[in-house]
């Protein structure tokens, strides 16, 4: 059980985010024995177009994956700018559409959006889901604290029992 009274500073949260991004890059490397080749046509949905999605999507594209960004507003100017930054193998769609087309789904939204994300997704039992969110919530003093007694990954696994989270 995790102590839900733990608070972390913004600097610590930044270090944690950096470590999380490194773990995601390592996880992506595990899907193949070498560099991903474009002809493998691996599709990855990155649900979320904020800082984390902006960091991960272009890197996945560099590895040869086709990236589909899932967004509430796929035509929004900043989402389209991210698609352009990512390159020719990138596009944007609703989260449900992106997830349905992908082999791998990266959930790069804030934990507080978990219920909204889950309400848009269905038919994911054969998908690999990588959750990069942290089960944190802001406290009255502006620090971040655990939002419950389980990790975000555990919460997603519980909500999506047929998936590999």
N, C-alpha and C. Protein backbone atom coordinates (compact mmCIF):
# COMPACT_ATOMS: atom_id res chain seq x y z
N UNK A 1 0.84 -1.18 0.00
CA UNK A 1 0.00 0.00 0.00
C UNK A 1 0.88 1.24 0.00
N UNK A 2 0.48 2.24 -0.71
CA UNK A 2 1.23 3.48 -0.83
C UNK A 2 0.69 4.49 0.17
N UNK A 3 1.59 5.22 0.82
CA UNK A 3 1.17 6.26 1.75
C UNK A 3 0.61 7.43 0.96
N UNK A 4 -0.69 7.68 1.09
CA UNK A 4 -1.33 8.73 0.29
C UNK A 4 -1.05 10.13 0.82
N UNK A 5 -0.27 10.25 1.88
CA UNK A 5 0.07 11.56 2.42
C UNK A 5 1.41 12.06 1.91
N UNK A 6 2.03 11.36 0.99
CA UNK A 6 3.31 11.77 0.44
C UNK A 6 3.09 12.94 -0.50
N UNK A 7 3.85 14.01 -0.32
CA UNK A 7 3.79 15.16 -1.21
C UNK A 7 5.16 15.34 -1.84
N UNK A 8 5.17 15.82 -3.09
CA UNK A 8 6.44 16.06 -3.76
C UNK A 8 6.45 17.46 -4.33
N UNK A 9 7.64 18.01 -4.44
CA UNK A 9 7.79 19.35 -4.99
C UNK A 9 7.70 19.31 -6.51
N UNK A 10 7.59 20.47 -7.12
CA UNK A 10 7.55 20.56 -8.58
C UNK A 10 8.85 20.02 -9.18
N UNK A 11 9.99 20.28 -8.55
CA UNK A 11 11.27 19.79 -9.06
C UNK A 11 11.31 18.26 -9.02
N UNK A 12 10.82 17.68 -7.92
CA UNK A 12 10.77 16.22 -7.82
C UNK A 12 9.82 15.64 -8.85
N UNK A 13 8.70 16.31 -9.07
CA UNK A 13 7.75 15.85 -10.08
C UNK A 13 8.39 15.88 -11.46
N UNK A 14 9.20 16.90 -11.75
CA UNK A 14 9.91 16.98 -13.02
C UNK A 14 10.90 15.85 -13.19
N UNK A 15 11.63 15.52 -12.13
CA UNK A 15 12.57 14.39 -12.19
C UNK A 15 11.82 13.08 -12.40
N UNK A 16 10.68 12.95 -11.75
CA UNK A 16 9.87 11.74 -11.91
C UNK A 16 9.37 11.62 -13.34
N UNK A 17 8.95 12.74 -13.94
CA UNK A 17 8.50 12.73 -15.32
C UNK A 17 9.63 12.32 -16.25
N UNK A 18 10.83 12.84 -16.02
CA UNK A 18 11.98 12.48 -16.84
C UNK A 18 12.25 10.98 -16.74
N UNK A 19 12.21 10.44 -15.53
CA UNK A 19 12.43 9.01 -15.34
C UNK A 19 11.34 8.20 -16.05
N UNK A 20 10.11 8.68 -15.98
CA UNK A 20 9.00 7.99 -16.65
C UNK A 20 9.23 7.96 -18.15
N UNK A 21 9.66 9.08 -18.73
CA UNK A 21 9.91 9.12 -20.17
C UNK A 21 11.01 8.16 -20.57
N UNK A 22 12.03 8.04 -19.74
CA UNK A 22 13.11 7.09 -20.02
C UNK A 22 12.59 5.66 -19.98
N UNK A 23 11.71 5.37 -19.02
CA UNK A 23 11.12 4.04 -18.95
C UNK A 23 10.28 3.73 -20.18
N UNK A 24 9.54 4.71 -20.67
CA UNK A 24 8.72 4.51 -21.86
C UNK A 24 9.60 4.23 -23.07
N UNK A 25 10.69 4.97 -23.20
CA UNK A 25 11.61 4.73 -24.31
C UNK A 25 12.17 3.31 -24.23
N UNK A 26 12.50 2.87 -23.02
CA UNK A 26 13.01 1.51 -22.83
C UNK A 26 11.94 0.48 -23.17
N UNK A 27 10.70 0.75 -22.76
CA UNK A 27 9.60 -0.17 -23.06
C UNK A 27 9.39 -0.27 -24.56
N UNK A 28 9.47 0.84 -25.25
CA UNK A 28 9.30 0.83 -26.71
C UNK A 28 10.38 -0.03 -27.36
N UNK A 29 11.58 0.05 -26.82
CA UNK A 29 12.68 -0.73 -27.38
C UNK A 29 12.46 -2.23 -27.18
N UNK A 30 11.70 -2.61 -26.17
CA UNK A 30 11.44 -4.02 -25.88
C UNK A 30 10.51 -4.66 -26.90
N UNK A 31 9.79 -3.88 -27.67
CA UNK A 31 8.85 -4.45 -28.63
C UNK A 31 9.55 -5.04 -29.84
N UNK A 32 10.83 -4.82 -29.96
CA UNK A 32 11.56 -5.29 -31.12
C UNK A 32 12.99 -5.60 -30.72
N UNK A 33 13.66 -6.44 -31.49
CA UNK A 33 15.04 -6.78 -31.19
C UNK A 33 16.02 -5.76 -31.73
N UNK A 34 15.57 -4.85 -32.54
CA UNK A 34 16.43 -3.83 -33.13
C UNK A 34 15.58 -2.63 -33.45
N UNK A 35 16.12 -1.73 -34.24
CA UNK A 35 15.33 -0.56 -34.62
C UNK A 35 14.06 -1.00 -35.36
N UNK A 36 12.98 -0.33 -35.09
CA UNK A 36 11.73 -0.64 -35.77
C UNK A 36 11.85 -0.15 -37.21
N UNK A 37 11.47 -0.99 -38.14
CA UNK A 37 11.51 -0.61 -39.55
C UNK A 37 10.11 -0.21 -39.98
N UNK A 38 10.01 0.83 -40.79
CA UNK A 38 8.72 1.35 -41.22
C UNK A 38 7.87 0.29 -41.90
N UNK A 39 8.50 -0.67 -42.60
CA UNK A 39 7.71 -1.68 -43.31
C UNK A 39 6.98 -2.61 -42.35
N UNK A 40 7.38 -2.61 -41.08
CA UNK A 40 6.65 -3.41 -40.10
C UNK A 40 5.28 -2.81 -39.83
N UNK A 41 5.09 -1.54 -40.21
CA UNK A 41 3.80 -0.87 -40.12
C UNK A 41 3.20 -0.91 -38.72
N UNK A 42 4.03 -0.83 -37.73
CA UNK A 42 3.54 -0.80 -36.35
C UNK A 42 2.87 0.54 -36.11
N UNK A 43 1.70 0.51 -35.51
CA UNK A 43 0.93 1.73 -35.26
C UNK A 43 0.83 1.93 -33.76
N UNK A 44 1.14 3.14 -33.32
CA UNK A 44 1.04 3.48 -31.91
C UNK A 44 0.13 4.69 -31.76
N UNK A 45 -0.83 4.57 -30.87
CA UNK A 45 -1.72 5.70 -30.57
C UNK A 45 -1.18 6.38 -29.32
N UNK A 46 -0.97 7.66 -29.40
CA UNK A 46 -0.55 8.45 -28.25
C UNK A 46 -1.77 9.29 -27.86
N UNK A 47 -2.42 8.88 -26.78
CA UNK A 47 -3.62 9.57 -26.33
C UNK A 47 -3.20 10.70 -25.40
N UNK A 48 -3.29 11.90 -25.92
CA UNK A 48 -2.84 13.09 -25.20
C UNK A 48 -1.81 13.82 -26.02
N UNK A 49 -1.99 15.13 -26.12
CA UNK A 49 -1.09 15.94 -26.95
C UNK A 49 -0.41 17.04 -26.15
N UNK A 50 -0.29 16.83 -24.86
CA UNK A 50 0.40 17.78 -24.01
C UNK A 50 1.90 17.52 -24.02
N UNK A 51 2.56 17.89 -22.93
CA UNK A 51 4.02 17.76 -22.86
C UNK A 51 4.51 16.34 -23.07
N UNK A 52 3.85 15.38 -22.46
CA UNK A 52 4.30 14.00 -22.58
C UNK A 52 4.07 13.47 -23.99
N UNK A 53 2.88 13.70 -24.54
CA UNK A 53 2.61 13.28 -25.92
C UNK A 53 3.56 13.95 -26.91
N UNK A 54 3.87 15.22 -26.66
CA UNK A 54 4.81 15.97 -27.50
C UNK A 54 6.22 15.38 -27.43
N UNK A 55 6.58 14.80 -26.30
CA UNK A 55 7.91 14.21 -26.15
C UNK A 55 7.97 12.81 -26.76
N UNK A 56 6.93 12.02 -26.57
CA UNK A 56 6.96 10.63 -26.99
C UNK A 56 6.64 10.42 -28.47
N UNK A 57 5.60 11.07 -28.97
CA UNK A 57 5.16 10.83 -30.34
C UNK A 57 6.25 10.99 -31.38
N UNK A 58 6.96 12.12 -31.40
CA UNK A 58 8.02 12.27 -32.40
C UNK A 58 9.11 11.21 -32.29
N UNK A 59 9.41 10.77 -31.07
CA UNK A 59 10.44 9.73 -30.89
C UNK A 59 9.96 8.39 -31.45
N UNK A 60 8.70 8.06 -31.21
CA UNK A 60 8.17 6.82 -31.79
C UNK A 60 8.23 6.88 -33.31
N UNK A 61 7.92 8.04 -33.89
CA UNK A 61 7.98 8.20 -35.34
C UNK A 61 9.41 8.02 -35.84
N UNK A 62 10.39 8.54 -35.10
CA UNK A 62 11.80 8.35 -35.47
C UNK A 62 12.17 6.88 -35.50
N UNK A 63 11.51 6.07 -34.68
CA UNK A 63 11.77 4.63 -34.65
C UNK A 63 11.06 3.90 -35.78
N UNK A 64 10.31 4.63 -36.60
CA UNK A 64 9.65 4.03 -37.74
C UNK A 64 8.19 3.68 -37.52
N UNK A 65 7.65 4.01 -36.38
CA UNK A 65 6.25 3.71 -36.12
C UNK A 65 5.33 4.77 -36.72
N UNK A 66 4.14 4.35 -37.10
CA UNK A 66 3.12 5.30 -37.51
C UNK A 66 2.44 5.75 -36.23
N UNK A 67 2.35 7.06 -36.02
CA UNK A 67 1.81 7.64 -34.79
C UNK A 67 0.46 8.29 -35.08
N UNK A 68 -0.53 7.91 -34.28
CA UNK A 68 -1.83 8.56 -34.36
C UNK A 68 -2.08 9.20 -33.00
N UNK A 69 -2.17 10.51 -32.99
CA UNK A 69 -2.45 11.22 -31.74
C UNK A 69 -3.94 11.19 -31.47
N UNK A 70 -4.32 10.80 -30.26
CA UNK A 70 -5.72 10.84 -29.85
C UNK A 70 -5.98 12.13 -29.10
N UNK A 71 -6.99 12.87 -29.55
CA UNK A 71 -7.29 14.17 -28.95
C UNK A 71 -8.79 14.41 -28.96
N UNK A 72 -9.25 15.19 -28.00
CA UNK A 72 -10.67 15.60 -28.01
C UNK A 72 -10.95 16.49 -29.21
N UNK A 73 -9.92 17.22 -29.64
CA UNK A 73 -10.06 18.15 -30.77
C UNK A 73 -8.89 17.95 -31.74
N UNK A 74 -8.97 16.89 -32.56
CA UNK A 74 -7.83 16.57 -33.43
C UNK A 74 -7.50 17.64 -34.47
N UNK A 75 -8.43 18.52 -34.78
CA UNK A 75 -8.17 19.57 -35.77
C UNK A 75 -7.63 20.86 -35.15
N UNK A 76 -7.51 20.89 -33.82
CA UNK A 76 -7.00 22.09 -33.14
C UNK A 76 -5.61 22.42 -33.66
N UNK A 77 -5.31 23.69 -33.72
CA UNK A 77 -4.05 24.17 -34.30
C UNK A 77 -2.81 23.55 -33.66
N UNK A 78 -2.76 23.47 -32.33
CA UNK A 78 -1.57 22.93 -31.67
C UNK A 78 -1.43 21.42 -31.92
N UNK A 79 -2.55 20.71 -32.06
CA UNK A 79 -2.50 19.28 -32.37
C UNK A 79 -1.97 19.09 -33.79
N UNK A 80 -2.45 19.89 -34.73
CA UNK A 80 -1.96 19.79 -36.10
C UNK A 80 -0.48 20.17 -36.20
N UNK A 81 -0.04 21.12 -35.38
CA UNK A 81 1.38 21.48 -35.35
C UNK A 81 2.21 20.30 -34.85
N UNK A 82 1.69 19.57 -33.86
CA UNK A 82 2.39 18.38 -33.36
C UNK A 82 2.47 17.31 -34.43
N UNK A 83 1.39 17.10 -35.17
CA UNK A 83 1.39 16.13 -36.27
C UNK A 83 2.46 16.51 -37.28
N UNK A 84 2.51 17.79 -37.64
CA UNK A 84 3.51 18.26 -38.61
C UNK A 84 4.93 18.06 -38.07
N UNK A 85 5.13 18.38 -36.79
CA UNK A 85 6.45 18.20 -36.16
C UNK A 85 6.86 16.73 -36.17
N UNK A 86 5.90 15.84 -35.99
CA UNK A 86 6.18 14.41 -35.91
C UNK A 86 6.58 13.83 -37.26
N UNK A 87 5.98 14.33 -38.33
CA UNK A 87 6.39 13.88 -39.66
C UNK A 87 5.29 13.21 -40.44
N UNK A 88 5.68 12.68 -41.59
CA UNK A 88 4.72 12.16 -42.56
C UNK A 88 3.96 10.93 -42.08
N UNK A 89 4.48 10.21 -41.11
CA UNK A 89 3.79 9.02 -40.59
C UNK A 89 2.96 9.34 -39.36
N UNK A 90 2.48 10.56 -39.26
CA UNK A 90 1.69 10.96 -38.10
C UNK A 90 0.35 11.52 -38.55
N UNK A 91 -0.63 11.36 -37.68
CA UNK A 91 -1.96 11.92 -37.91
C UNK A 91 -2.62 12.14 -36.56
N UNK A 92 -3.80 12.74 -36.57
CA UNK A 92 -4.56 12.95 -35.34
C UNK A 92 -5.99 12.52 -35.58
N UNK A 93 -6.61 12.00 -34.53
CA UNK A 93 -7.99 11.54 -34.60
C UNK A 93 -8.57 11.61 -33.19
N UNK A 94 -9.83 11.23 -33.06
CA UNK A 94 -10.39 11.11 -31.71
C UNK A 94 -9.63 10.00 -30.98
N UNK A 95 -9.67 10.00 -29.68
CA UNK A 95 -8.98 8.96 -28.91
C UNK A 95 -9.50 7.58 -29.27
N UNK A 96 -10.81 7.44 -29.42
CA UNK A 96 -11.39 6.14 -29.76
C UNK A 96 -10.90 5.66 -31.12
N UNK A 97 -10.88 6.55 -32.11
CA UNK A 97 -10.42 6.18 -33.45
C UNK A 97 -8.94 5.82 -33.45
N UNK A 98 -8.14 6.63 -32.76
CA UNK A 98 -6.71 6.37 -32.68
C UNK A 98 -6.45 5.01 -32.03
N UNK A 99 -7.11 4.73 -30.92
CA UNK A 99 -6.92 3.47 -30.20
C UNK A 99 -7.35 2.27 -31.04
N UNK A 100 -8.44 2.42 -31.79
CA UNK A 100 -8.94 1.29 -32.59
C UNK A 100 -7.98 0.91 -33.70
N UNK A 101 -7.19 1.86 -34.20
CA UNK A 101 -6.26 1.60 -35.30
C UNK A 101 -4.88 1.14 -34.84
N UNK A 102 -4.61 1.23 -33.55
CA UNK A 102 -3.25 1.01 -33.05
C UNK A 102 -3.01 -0.39 -32.51
N UNK A 103 -1.74 -0.80 -32.56
CA UNK A 103 -1.28 -2.03 -31.92
C UNK A 103 -0.96 -1.75 -30.46
N UNK A 104 -0.42 -0.56 -30.23
CA UNK A 104 0.05 -0.13 -28.90
C UNK A 104 -0.61 1.20 -28.60
N UNK A 105 -1.09 1.36 -27.38
CA UNK A 105 -1.72 2.61 -26.97
C UNK A 105 -0.96 3.18 -25.79
N UNK A 106 -0.51 4.42 -25.93
CA UNK A 106 0.15 5.12 -24.84
C UNK A 106 -0.84 6.13 -24.27
N UNK A 107 -1.16 5.99 -23.00
CA UNK A 107 -2.07 6.93 -22.35
C UNK A 107 -1.21 8.01 -21.71
N UNK A 108 -1.22 9.18 -22.35
CA UNK A 108 -0.37 10.30 -21.93
C UNK A 108 -1.24 11.48 -21.52
N UNK A 109 -2.26 11.19 -20.75
CA UNK A 109 -3.16 12.23 -20.25
C UNK A 109 -2.99 12.34 -18.74
N UNK A 110 -3.41 13.43 -18.16
CA UNK A 110 -3.36 13.51 -16.69
C UNK A 110 -4.23 12.43 -16.07
N UNK A 111 -3.83 11.94 -14.92
CA UNK A 111 -4.58 10.89 -14.23
C UNK A 111 -6.02 11.32 -13.98
N UNK A 112 -6.22 12.59 -13.68
CA UNK A 112 -7.58 13.06 -13.40
C UNK A 112 -8.51 12.90 -14.60
N UNK A 113 -7.95 12.65 -15.79
CA UNK A 113 -8.76 12.45 -16.99
C UNK A 113 -9.04 10.97 -17.26
N UNK A 114 -8.63 10.09 -16.34
CA UNK A 114 -8.77 8.65 -16.55
C UNK A 114 -10.19 8.23 -16.90
N UNK A 115 -11.17 8.70 -16.15
CA UNK A 115 -12.56 8.30 -16.41
C UNK A 115 -13.01 8.75 -17.80
N UNK A 116 -12.63 9.96 -18.19
CA UNK A 116 -13.00 10.47 -19.52
C UNK A 116 -12.33 9.64 -20.61
N UNK A 117 -11.08 9.29 -20.42
CA UNK A 117 -10.36 8.47 -21.41
C UNK A 117 -11.02 7.10 -21.52
N UNK A 118 -11.30 6.48 -20.38
CA UNK A 118 -11.91 5.15 -20.40
C UNK A 118 -13.29 5.16 -21.05
N UNK A 119 -14.03 6.24 -20.86
CA UNK A 119 -15.38 6.30 -21.43
C UNK A 119 -15.35 6.34 -22.96
N UNK A 120 -14.21 6.74 -23.54
CA UNK A 120 -14.08 6.82 -25.00
C UNK A 120 -13.56 5.54 -25.62
N UNK A 121 -13.01 4.64 -24.81
CA UNK A 121 -12.34 3.46 -25.34
C UNK A 121 -13.16 2.20 -25.17
N UNK A 122 -13.08 1.30 -26.15
CA UNK A 122 -13.72 -0.01 -26.04
C UNK A 122 -12.99 -0.97 -26.98
N UNK A 123 -13.20 -2.25 -26.77
CA UNK A 123 -12.62 -3.26 -27.64
C UNK A 123 -11.11 -3.27 -27.65
N UNK A 124 -10.50 -3.17 -26.48
CA UNK A 124 -9.04 -3.07 -26.41
C UNK A 124 -8.38 -4.35 -25.91
N UNK A 125 -9.10 -5.45 -25.84
CA UNK A 125 -8.57 -6.65 -25.19
C UNK A 125 -7.29 -7.19 -25.84
N UNK A 126 -7.06 -6.91 -27.10
CA UNK A 126 -5.86 -7.41 -27.76
C UNK A 126 -4.76 -6.35 -27.87
N UNK A 127 -4.90 -5.28 -27.13
CA UNK A 127 -3.96 -4.16 -27.24
C UNK A 127 -2.96 -4.16 -26.08
N UNK A 128 -1.81 -3.58 -26.37
CA UNK A 128 -0.83 -3.29 -25.33
C UNK A 128 -1.04 -1.84 -24.93
N UNK A 129 -1.21 -1.59 -23.64
CA UNK A 129 -1.43 -0.24 -23.16
C UNK A 129 -0.26 0.16 -22.27
N UNK A 130 0.34 1.29 -22.60
CA UNK A 130 1.41 1.85 -21.78
C UNK A 130 0.85 3.10 -21.13
N UNK A 131 0.76 3.07 -19.83
CA UNK A 131 0.22 4.21 -19.09
C UNK A 131 1.37 5.01 -18.50
N UNK A 132 1.47 6.28 -18.87
CA UNK A 132 2.55 7.11 -18.34
C UNK A 132 2.04 8.15 -17.35
N UNK A 133 0.76 8.05 -17.01
CA UNK A 133 0.23 9.02 -16.05
C UNK A 133 0.62 8.61 -14.64
N UNK A 134 0.56 9.55 -13.76
CA UNK A 134 0.86 9.31 -12.35
C UNK A 134 -0.39 9.60 -11.55
N UNK A 135 -0.67 8.73 -10.61
CA UNK A 135 -1.88 8.89 -9.78
C UNK A 135 -1.64 9.97 -8.73
N UNK A 136 -1.50 11.20 -9.22
CA UNK A 136 -1.23 12.34 -8.34
C UNK A 136 -2.35 13.37 -8.50
N UNK A 137 -2.57 14.10 -7.45
CA UNK A 137 -3.56 15.18 -7.46
C UNK A 137 -2.98 16.36 -6.70
N UNK A 138 -3.30 17.59 -7.11
CA UNK A 138 -2.77 18.75 -6.39
C UNK A 138 -3.42 18.86 -5.00
N UNK A 139 -2.62 19.32 -4.05
CA UNK A 139 -3.12 19.54 -2.70
C UNK A 139 -3.38 21.03 -2.51
N UNK A 140 -3.95 21.38 -1.38
CA UNK A 140 -4.26 22.78 -1.11
C UNK A 140 -3.02 23.66 -1.09
N UNK A 141 -1.86 23.09 -0.72
CA UNK A 141 -0.63 23.88 -0.66
C UNK A 141 0.13 23.93 -1.98
N UNK A 142 -0.48 23.36 -3.06
CA UNK A 142 0.13 23.43 -4.38
C UNK A 142 1.07 22.29 -4.70
N UNK A 143 1.32 21.41 -3.75
CA UNK A 143 2.17 20.25 -4.02
C UNK A 143 1.31 19.13 -4.59
N UNK A 144 1.95 18.09 -5.05
CA UNK A 144 1.23 16.93 -5.58
C UNK A 144 1.29 15.81 -4.55
N UNK A 145 0.19 15.08 -4.43
CA UNK A 145 0.11 13.95 -3.50
C UNK A 145 -0.56 12.78 -4.21
N UNK A 146 -0.34 11.58 -3.70
CA UNK A 146 -0.98 10.41 -4.27
C UNK A 146 -2.50 10.60 -4.25
N UNK A 147 -3.14 10.24 -5.35
CA UNK A 147 -4.58 10.41 -5.49
C UNK A 147 -5.36 9.23 -4.94
N UNK A 148 -4.70 8.21 -4.50
CA UNK A 148 -5.36 7.03 -3.96
C UNK A 148 -4.33 6.04 -3.49
N UNK A 149 -4.73 4.80 -3.33
CA UNK A 149 -3.79 3.80 -2.82
C UNK A 149 -3.27 2.85 -3.90
N UNK A 150 -3.50 3.19 -5.16
CA UNK A 150 -2.96 2.39 -6.24
C UNK A 150 -2.37 3.30 -7.32
N UNK A 151 -1.46 2.73 -8.10
CA UNK A 151 -0.85 3.49 -9.18
C UNK A 151 -1.85 3.69 -10.30
N UNK A 152 -1.54 4.59 -11.21
CA UNK A 152 -2.39 4.80 -12.37
C UNK A 152 -2.46 3.53 -13.22
N UNK A 153 -1.34 2.86 -13.38
CA UNK A 153 -1.31 1.61 -14.14
C UNK A 153 -2.22 0.56 -13.53
N UNK A 154 -2.19 0.44 -12.21
CA UNK A 154 -3.08 -0.51 -11.53
C UNK A 154 -4.54 -0.14 -11.75
N UNK A 155 -4.84 1.14 -11.71
CA UNK A 155 -6.22 1.59 -11.93
C UNK A 155 -6.67 1.28 -13.35
N UNK A 156 -5.80 1.52 -14.34
CA UNK A 156 -6.15 1.20 -15.73
C UNK A 156 -6.29 -0.31 -15.91
N UNK A 157 -5.40 -1.10 -15.32
CA UNK A 157 -5.49 -2.55 -15.44
C UNK A 157 -6.80 -3.06 -14.85
N UNK A 158 -7.20 -2.51 -13.73
CA UNK A 158 -8.46 -2.90 -13.11
C UNK A 158 -9.65 -2.53 -14.01
N UNK A 159 -9.58 -1.38 -14.62
CA UNK A 159 -10.67 -0.93 -15.49
C UNK A 159 -10.68 -1.64 -16.85
N UNK A 160 -9.52 -2.14 -17.28
CA UNK A 160 -9.38 -2.80 -18.59
C UNK A 160 -8.78 -4.18 -18.39
N UNK A 161 -9.51 -5.11 -17.75
CA UNK A 161 -8.92 -6.39 -17.35
C UNK A 161 -8.39 -7.25 -18.49
N UNK A 162 -8.88 -7.09 -19.71
CA UNK A 162 -8.42 -7.91 -20.82
C UNK A 162 -7.18 -7.39 -21.51
N UNK A 163 -6.68 -6.26 -21.08
CA UNK A 163 -5.54 -5.62 -21.74
C UNK A 163 -4.24 -5.93 -21.01
N UNK A 164 -3.16 -5.70 -21.72
CA UNK A 164 -1.83 -5.80 -21.13
C UNK A 164 -1.38 -4.37 -20.81
N UNK A 165 -1.49 -3.98 -19.55
CA UNK A 165 -1.12 -2.61 -19.16
C UNK A 165 0.28 -2.64 -18.61
